[in-house]
């Protein structure tokens, strides 16, 4: 998976693992399971897909493809 430099300035100051995810996203669920299995600490950022938050300017600055999950 390629690493993309975020264009969202606050994100560049994050420390540790941050997961942008949707509660009912199958792909995001797999990542959450892997994080739990590895007992890794992470910060949750919920994305409301029904409101189109994945297409917001702020989110596209993190993930230009506008998909979840993003870490």
PDB file of N, CA and C in Angstrom:
ATOM      1  N   UNK A   1       0.843  -1.162   0.000  1.00  0.00           N
ATOM      2  CA  UNK A   1       0.000   0.000   0.000  1.00  0.00           C
ATOM      3  C   UNK A   1       0.896   1.234   0.000  1.00  0.00           C
ATOM      4  N   UNK A   2       0.649   2.174  -0.908  1.00  0.00           N
ATOM      5  CA  UNK A   2       1.482   3.369  -0.957  1.00  0.00           C
ATOM      6  C   UNK A   2       1.198   4.310   0.206  1.00  0.00           C
ATOM      7  N   UNK A   3       2.208   5.034   0.607  1.00  0.00           N
ATOM      8  CA  UNK A   3       2.051   6.048   1.649  1.00  0.00           C
ATOM      9  C   UNK A   3       1.820   7.381   0.952  1.00  0.00           C
ATOM     10  N   UNK A   4       0.736   8.056   1.329  1.00  0.00           N
ATOM     11  CA  UNK A   4       0.384   9.341   0.738  1.00  0.00           C
ATOM     12  C   UNK A   4       0.576  10.410   1.800  1.00  0.00           C
ATOM     13  N   UNK A   5       1.302  11.458   1.478  1.00  0.00           N
ATOM     14  CA  UNK A   5       1.491  12.562   2.412  1.00  0.00           C
ATOM     15  C   UNK A   5       0.180  13.326   2.529  1.00  0.00           C
ATOM     16  N   UNK A   6      -0.382  13.424   3.739  1.00  0.00           N
ATOM     17  CA  UNK A   6      -1.674  14.090   3.898  1.00  0.00           C
ATOM     18  C   UNK A   6      -1.592  15.583   3.611  1.00  0.00           C
ATOM     19  N   UNK A   7      -2.654  16.100   2.992  1.00  0.00           N
ATOM     20  CA  UNK A   7      -2.756  17.534   2.735  1.00  0.00           C
ATOM     21  C   UNK A   7      -3.556  18.224   3.829  1.00  0.00           C
ATOM     22  N   UNK A   8      -4.043  17.465   4.792  1.00  0.00           N
ATOM     23  CA  UNK A   8      -4.814  17.992   5.911  1.00  0.00           C
ATOM     24  C   UNK A   8      -3.821  18.306   7.026  1.00  0.00           C
ATOM     25  N   UNK A   9      -3.569  19.584   7.290  1.00  0.00           N
ATOM     26  CA  UNK A   9      -2.508  20.004   8.217  1.00  0.00           C
ATOM     27  C   UNK A   9      -2.624  19.418   9.626  1.00  0.00           C
ATOM     28  N   UNK A  10      -3.811  19.404  10.276  1.00  0.00           N
ATOM     29  CA  UNK A  10      -3.866  18.845  11.637  1.00  0.00           C
ATOM     30  C   UNK A  10      -3.416  17.387  11.705  1.00  0.00           C
ATOM     31  N   UNK A  11      -3.631  16.638  10.647  1.00  0.00           N
ATOM     32  CA  UNK A  11      -3.270  15.215  10.629  1.00  0.00           C
ATOM     33  C   UNK A  11      -1.761  15.029  10.710  1.00  0.00           C
ATOM     34  N   UNK A  12      -1.007  15.948  10.178  1.00  0.00           N
ATOM     35  CA  UNK A  12       0.452  15.805  10.185  1.00  0.00           C
ATOM     36  C   UNK A  12       1.028  15.876  11.593  1.00  0.00           C
ATOM     37  N   UNK A  13       0.244  16.368  12.555  1.00  0.00           N
ATOM     38  CA  UNK A  13       0.703  16.471  13.943  1.00  0.00           C
ATOM     39  C   UNK A  13       0.268  15.275  14.801  1.00  0.00           C
ATOM     40  N   UNK A  14      -0.494  14.350  14.234  1.00  0.00           N
ATOM     41  CA  UNK A  14      -0.951  13.178  14.983  1.00  0.00           C
ATOM     42  C   UNK A  14       0.232  12.322  15.404  1.00  0.00           C
ATOM     43  N   UNK A  15       0.100  11.703  16.571  1.00  0.00           N
ATOM     44  CA  UNK A  15       1.086  10.727  17.033  1.00  0.00           C
ATOM     45  C   UNK A  15       0.362   9.418  17.279  1.00  0.00           C
ATOM     46  N   UNK A  16       1.022   8.326  17.008  1.00  0.00           N
ATOM     47  CA  UNK A  16       0.415   7.021  17.215  1.00  0.00           C
ATOM     48  C   UNK A  16      -0.498   6.640  16.057  1.00  0.00           C
ATOM     49  N   UNK A  17      -1.260   5.574  16.278  1.00  0.00           N
ATOM     50  CA  UNK A  17      -2.170   5.074  15.251  1.00  0.00           C
ATOM     51  C   UNK A  17      -3.511   5.795  15.325  1.00  0.00           C
ATOM     52  N   UNK A  18      -3.970   6.280  14.197  1.00  0.00           N
ATOM     53  CA  UNK A  18      -5.276   6.919  14.080  1.00  0.00           C
ATOM     54  C   UNK A  18      -6.013   6.213  12.958  1.00  0.00           C
ATOM     55  N   UNK A  19      -7.218   5.745  13.254  1.00  0.00           N
ATOM     56  CA  UNK A  19      -8.009   5.016  12.268  1.00  0.00           C
ATOM     57  C   UNK A  19      -9.275   5.791  11.953  1.00  0.00           C
ATOM     58  N   UNK A  20      -9.432   6.147  10.691  1.00  0.00           N
ATOM     59  CA  UNK A  20     -10.668   6.751  10.198  1.00  0.00           C
ATOM     60  C   UNK A  20     -11.489   5.599   9.641  1.00  0.00           C
ATOM     61  N   UNK A  21     -12.680   5.413  10.201  1.00  0.00           N
ATOM     62  CA  UNK A  21     -13.459   4.235   9.831  1.00  0.00           C
ATOM     63  C   UNK A  21     -14.947   4.496   9.993  1.00  0.00           C
ATOM     64  N   UNK A  22     -15.726   3.607   9.401  1.00  0.00           N
ATOM     65  CA  UNK A  22     -17.177   3.620   9.548  1.00  0.00           C
ATOM     66  C   UNK A  22     -17.557   2.366  10.328  1.00  0.00           C
ATOM     67  N   UNK A  23     -18.507   2.484  11.264  1.00  0.00           N
ATOM     68  CA  UNK A  23     -18.840   1.352  12.132  1.00  0.00           C
ATOM     69  C   UNK A  23     -19.255   0.081  11.390  1.00  0.00           C
ATOM     70  N   UNK A  24     -19.962   0.215  10.271  1.00  0.00           N
ATOM     71  CA  UNK A  24     -20.481  -0.968   9.588  1.00  0.00           C
ATOM     72  C   UNK A  24     -19.706  -1.320   8.322  1.00  0.00           C
ATOM     73  N   UNK A  25     -18.540  -0.706   8.154  1.00  0.00           N
ATOM     74  CA  UNK A  25     -17.698  -1.017   7.002  1.00  0.00           C
ATOM     75  C   UNK A  25     -16.975  -2.341   7.246  1.00  0.00           C
ATOM     76  N   UNK A  26     -17.163  -3.280   6.334  1.00  0.00           N
ATOM     77  CA  UNK A  26     -16.532  -4.589   6.459  1.00  0.00           C
ATOM     78  C   UNK A  26     -15.005  -4.464   6.448  1.00  0.00           C
ATOM     79  N   UNK A  27     -14.492  -3.633   5.569  1.00  0.00           N
ATOM     80  CA  UNK A  27     -13.031  -3.454   5.491  1.00  0.00           C
ATOM     81  C   UNK A  27     -12.485  -2.830   6.769  1.00  0.00           C
ATOM     82  N   UNK A  28     -13.199  -1.840   7.301  1.00  0.00           N
ATOM     83  CA  UNK A  28     -12.764  -1.202   8.545  1.00  0.00           C
ATOM     84  C   UNK A  28     -12.838  -2.185   9.711  1.00  0.00           C
ATOM     85  N   UNK A  29     -13.839  -3.049   9.682  1.00  0.00           N
ATOM     86  CA  UNK A  29     -13.979  -4.043  10.746  1.00  0.00           C
ATOM     87  C   UNK A  29     -12.767  -4.975  10.770  1.00  0.00           C
ATOM     88  N   UNK A  30     -12.275  -5.330   9.616  1.00  0.00           N
ATOM     89  CA  UNK A  30     -11.096  -6.199   9.542  1.00  0.00           C
ATOM     90  C   UNK A  30      -9.877  -5.524  10.169  1.00  0.00           C
ATOM     91  N   UNK A  31      -9.736  -4.234   9.912  1.00  0.00           N
ATOM     92  CA  UNK A  31      -8.611  -3.493  10.494  1.00  0.00           C
ATOM     93  C   UNK A  31      -8.763  -3.419  12.004  1.00  0.00           C
ATOM     94  N   UNK A  32      -9.981  -3.145  12.497  1.00  0.00           N
ATOM     95  CA  UNK A  32     -10.208  -3.076  13.946  1.00  0.00           C
ATOM     96  C   UNK A  32      -9.921  -4.424  14.610  1.00  0.00           C
ATOM     97  N   UNK A  33     -10.286  -5.503  13.960  1.00  0.00           N
ATOM     98  CA  UNK A  33     -10.004  -6.840  14.500  1.00  0.00           C
ATOM     99  C   UNK A  33      -8.492  -7.065  14.574  1.00  0.00           C
ATOM    100  N   UNK A  34      -7.779  -6.701  13.521  1.00  0.00           N
ATOM    101  CA  UNK A  34      -6.317  -6.870  13.515  1.00  0.00           C
ATOM    102  C   UNK A  34      -5.666  -6.035  14.611  1.00  0.00           C
ATOM    103  N   UNK A  35      -6.134  -4.799  14.800  1.00  0.00           N
ATOM    104  CA  UNK A  35      -5.590  -3.951  15.861  1.00  0.00           C
ATOM    105  C   UNK A  35      -5.851  -4.565  17.237  1.00  0.00           C
ATOM    106  N   UNK A  36      -7.039  -5.127  17.418  1.00  0.00           N
ATOM    107  CA  UNK A  36      -7.377  -5.761  18.695  1.00  0.00           C
ATOM    108  C   UNK A  36      -6.525  -7.015  18.922  1.00  0.00           C
ATOM    109  N   UNK A  37      -6.361  -7.818  17.885  1.00  0.00           N
ATOM    110  CA  UNK A  37      -5.554  -9.037  18.000  1.00  0.00           C
ATOM    111  C   UNK A  37      -4.101  -8.717  18.356  1.00  0.00           C
ATOM    112  N   UNK A  38      -3.595  -7.640  17.798  1.00  0.00           N
ATOM    113  CA  UNK A  38      -2.217  -7.224  18.074  1.00  0.00           C
ATOM    114  C   UNK A  38      -2.100  -6.409  19.361  1.00  0.00           C
ATOM    115  N   UNK A  39      -3.245  -6.116  19.977  1.00  0.00           N
ATOM    116  CA  UNK A  39      -3.319  -5.330  21.214  1.00  0.00           C
ATOM    117  C   UNK A  39      -2.624  -3.979  21.054  1.00  0.00           C
ATOM    118  N   UNK A  40      -2.884  -3.341  19.919  1.00  0.00           N
ATOM    119  CA  UNK A  40      -2.308  -2.026  19.644  1.00  0.00           C
ATOM    120  C   UNK A  40      -3.268  -0.933  20.091  1.00  0.00           C
ATOM    121  N   UNK A  41      -2.717   0.137  20.622  1.00  0.00           N
ATOM    122  CA  UNK A  41      -3.534   1.284  20.998  1.00  0.00           C
ATOM    123  C   UNK A  41      -3.731   2.155  19.765  1.00  0.00           C
ATOM    124  N   UNK A  42      -4.948   2.662  19.607  1.00  0.00           N
ATOM    125  CA  UNK A  42      -5.245   3.495  18.452  1.00  0.00           C
ATOM    126  C   UNK A  42      -6.358   4.474  18.790  1.00  0.00           C
ATOM    127  N   UNK A  43      -6.436   5.540  18.007  1.00  0.00           N
ATOM    128  CA  UNK A  43      -7.454   6.566  18.190  1.00  0.00           C
ATOM    129  C   UNK A  43      -8.480   6.430  17.076  1.00  0.00           C
ATOM    130  N   UNK A  44      -9.747   6.424  17.462  1.00  0.00           N
ATOM    131  CA  UNK A  44     -10.844   6.247  16.518  1.00  0.00           C
ATOM    132  C   UNK A  44     -11.350   7.587  15.995  1.00  0.00           C
ATOM    133  N   UNK A  45     -11.573   7.646  14.696  1.00  0.00           N
ATOM    134  CA  UNK A  45     -12.209   8.790  14.046  1.00  0.00           C
ATOM    135  C   UNK A  45     -13.331   8.214  13.186  1.00  0.00           C
ATOM    136  N   UNK A  46     -14.568   8.363  13.643  1.00  0.00           N
ATOM    137  CA  UNK A  46     -15.700   7.802  12.907  1.00  0.00           C
ATOM    138  C   UNK A  46     -16.061   8.678  11.714  1.00  0.00           C
ATOM    139  N   UNK A  47     -16.310   8.036  10.592  1.00  0.00           N
ATOM    140  CA  UNK A  47     -16.730   8.699   9.360  1.00  0.00           C
ATOM    141  C   UNK A  47     -18.155   8.242   9.068  1.00  0.00           C
ATOM    142  N   UNK A  48     -19.072   9.195   8.914  1.00  0.00           N
ATOM    143  CA  UNK A  48     -20.472   8.878   8.622  1.00  0.00           C
ATOM    144  C   UNK A  48     -20.653   8.808   7.107  1.00  0.00           C
ATOM    145  N   UNK A  49     -20.696   7.593   6.584  1.00  0.00           N
ATOM    146  CA  UNK A  49     -20.824   7.400   5.146  1.00  0.00           C
ATOM    147  C   UNK A  49     -22.175   7.880   4.630  1.00  0.00           C
ATOM    148  N   UNK A  50     -23.214   7.783   5.459  1.00  0.00           N
ATOM    149  CA  UNK A  50     -24.549   8.209   5.013  1.00  0.00           C
ATOM    150  C   UNK A  50     -24.625   9.719   4.803  1.00  0.00           C
ATOM    151  N   UNK A  51     -23.752  10.464   5.461  1.00  0.00           N
ATOM    152  CA  UNK A  51     -23.695  11.921   5.283  1.00  0.00           C
ATOM    153  C   UNK A  51     -22.642  12.327   4.249  1.00  0.00           C
ATOM    154  N   UNK A  52     -21.925  11.355   3.713  1.00  0.00           N
ATOM    155  CA  UNK A  52     -20.912  11.643   2.701  1.00  0.00           C
ATOM    156  C   UNK A  52     -19.648  12.269   3.252  1.00  0.00           C
ATOM    157  N   UNK A  53     -19.366  12.039   4.538  1.00  0.00           N
ATOM    158  CA  UNK A  53     -18.173  12.637   5.146  1.00  0.00           C
ATOM    159  C   UNK A  53     -16.883  12.186   4.468  1.00  0.00           C
ATOM    160  N   UNK A  54     -16.909  11.032   3.811  1.00  0.00           N
ATOM    161  CA  UNK A  54     -15.714  10.548   3.124  1.00  0.00           C
ATOM    162  C   UNK A  54     -15.407  11.383   1.882  1.00  0.00           C
ATOM    163  N   UNK A  55     -16.340  12.232   1.467  1.00  0.00           N
ATOM    164  CA  UNK A  55     -16.116  13.102   0.310  1.00  0.00           C
ATOM    165  C   UNK A  55     -15.849  14.553   0.712  1.00  0.00           C
ATOM    166  N   UNK A  56     -15.715  14.797   2.016  1.00  0.00           N
ATOM    167  CA  UNK A  56     -15.458  16.163   2.486  1.00  0.00           C
ATOM    168  C   UNK A  56     -14.029  16.577   2.128  1.00  0.00           C
ATOM    169  N   UNK A  57     -13.816  17.875   2.047  1.00  0.00           N
ATOM    170  CA  UNK A  57     -12.487  18.403   1.716  1.00  0.00           C
ATOM    171  C   UNK A  57     -11.460  17.939   2.744  1.00  0.00           C
ATOM    172  N   UNK A  58     -11.850  17.940   4.026  1.00  0.00           N
ATOM    173  CA  UNK A  58     -10.934  17.531   5.087  1.00  0.00           C
ATOM    174  C   UNK A  58     -10.519  16.073   4.929  1.00  0.00           C
ATOM    175  N   UNK A  59     -11.496  15.201   4.652  1.00  0.00           N
ATOM    176  CA  UNK A  59     -11.182  13.778   4.537  1.00  0.00           C
ATOM    177  C   UNK A  59     -10.387  13.494   3.266  1.00  0.00           C
ATOM    178  N   UNK A  60     -10.733  14.157   2.175  1.00  0.00           N
ATOM    179  CA  UNK A  60      -9.987  13.953   0.934  1.00  0.00           C
ATOM    180  C   UNK A  60      -8.547  14.444   1.067  1.00  0.00           C
ATOM    181  N   UNK A  61      -8.289  15.335   2.032  1.00  0.00           N
ATOM    182  CA  UNK A  61      -6.919  15.756   2.321  1.00  0.00           C
ATOM    183  C   UNK A  61      -6.114  14.668   3.002  1.00  0.00           C
ATOM    184  N   UNK A  62      -6.808  13.698   3.587  1.00  0.00           N
ATOM    185  CA  UNK A  62      -6.155  12.560   4.242  1.00  0.00           C
ATOM    186  C   UNK A  62      -6.060  11.393   3.271  1.00  0.00           C
ATOM    187  N   UNK A  63      -7.173  11.104   2.611  1.00  0.00           N
ATOM    188  CA  UNK A  63      -7.240  10.006   1.653  1.00  0.00           C
ATOM    189  C   UNK A  63      -7.888  10.518   0.372  1.00  0.00           C
ATOM    190  N   UNK A  64      -7.101  10.811  -0.651  1.00  0.00           N
ATOM    191  CA  UNK A  64      -7.639  11.371  -1.890  1.00  0.00           C
ATOM    192  C   UNK A  64      -8.642  10.464  -2.597  1.00  0.00           C
ATOM    193  N   UNK A  65      -8.631   9.166  -2.270  1.00  0.00           N
ATOM    194  CA  UNK A  65      -9.592   8.245  -2.875  1.00  0.00           C
ATOM    195  C   UNK A  65     -10.947   8.281  -2.176  1.00  0.00           C
ATOM    196  N   UNK A  66     -11.009   8.873  -0.988  1.00  0.00           N
ATOM    197  CA  UNK A  66     -12.268   9.000  -0.265  1.00  0.00           C
ATOM    198  C   UNK A  66     -12.859   7.681   0.193  1.00  0.00           C
ATOM    199  N   UNK A  67     -12.014   6.744   0.572  1.00  0.00           N
ATOM    200  CA  UNK A  67     -12.501   5.443   1.034  1.00  0.00           C
ATOM    201  C   UNK A  67     -12.130   5.234   2.502  1.00  0.00           C
ATOM    202  N   UNK A  68     -12.852   4.331   3.147  1.00  0.00           N
ATOM    203  CA  UNK A  68     -12.524   3.936   4.516  1.00  0.00           C
ATOM    204  C   UNK A  68     -12.157   2.463   4.489  1.00  0.00           C
ATOM    205  N   UNK A  69     -11.302   2.016   5.342  1.00  0.00           N
ATOM    206  CA  UNK A  69     -10.621   2.746   6.400  1.00  0.00           C
ATOM    207  C   UNK A  69      -9.374   3.467   5.883  1.00  0.00           C
ATOM    208  N   UNK A  70      -8.940   4.415   6.682  1.00  0.00           N
ATOM    209  CA  UNK A  70      -7.677   5.118   6.445  1.00  0.00           C
ATOM    210  C   UNK A  70      -6.945   5.177   7.770  1.00  0.00           C
ATOM    211  N   UNK A  71      -5.648   4.907   7.756  1.00  0.00           N
ATOM    212  CA  UNK A  71      -4.864   5.012   8.986  1.00  0.00           C
ATOM    213  C   UNK A  71      -3.575   5.702   8.703  1.00  0.00           C
TER     214      UNK A  71
END
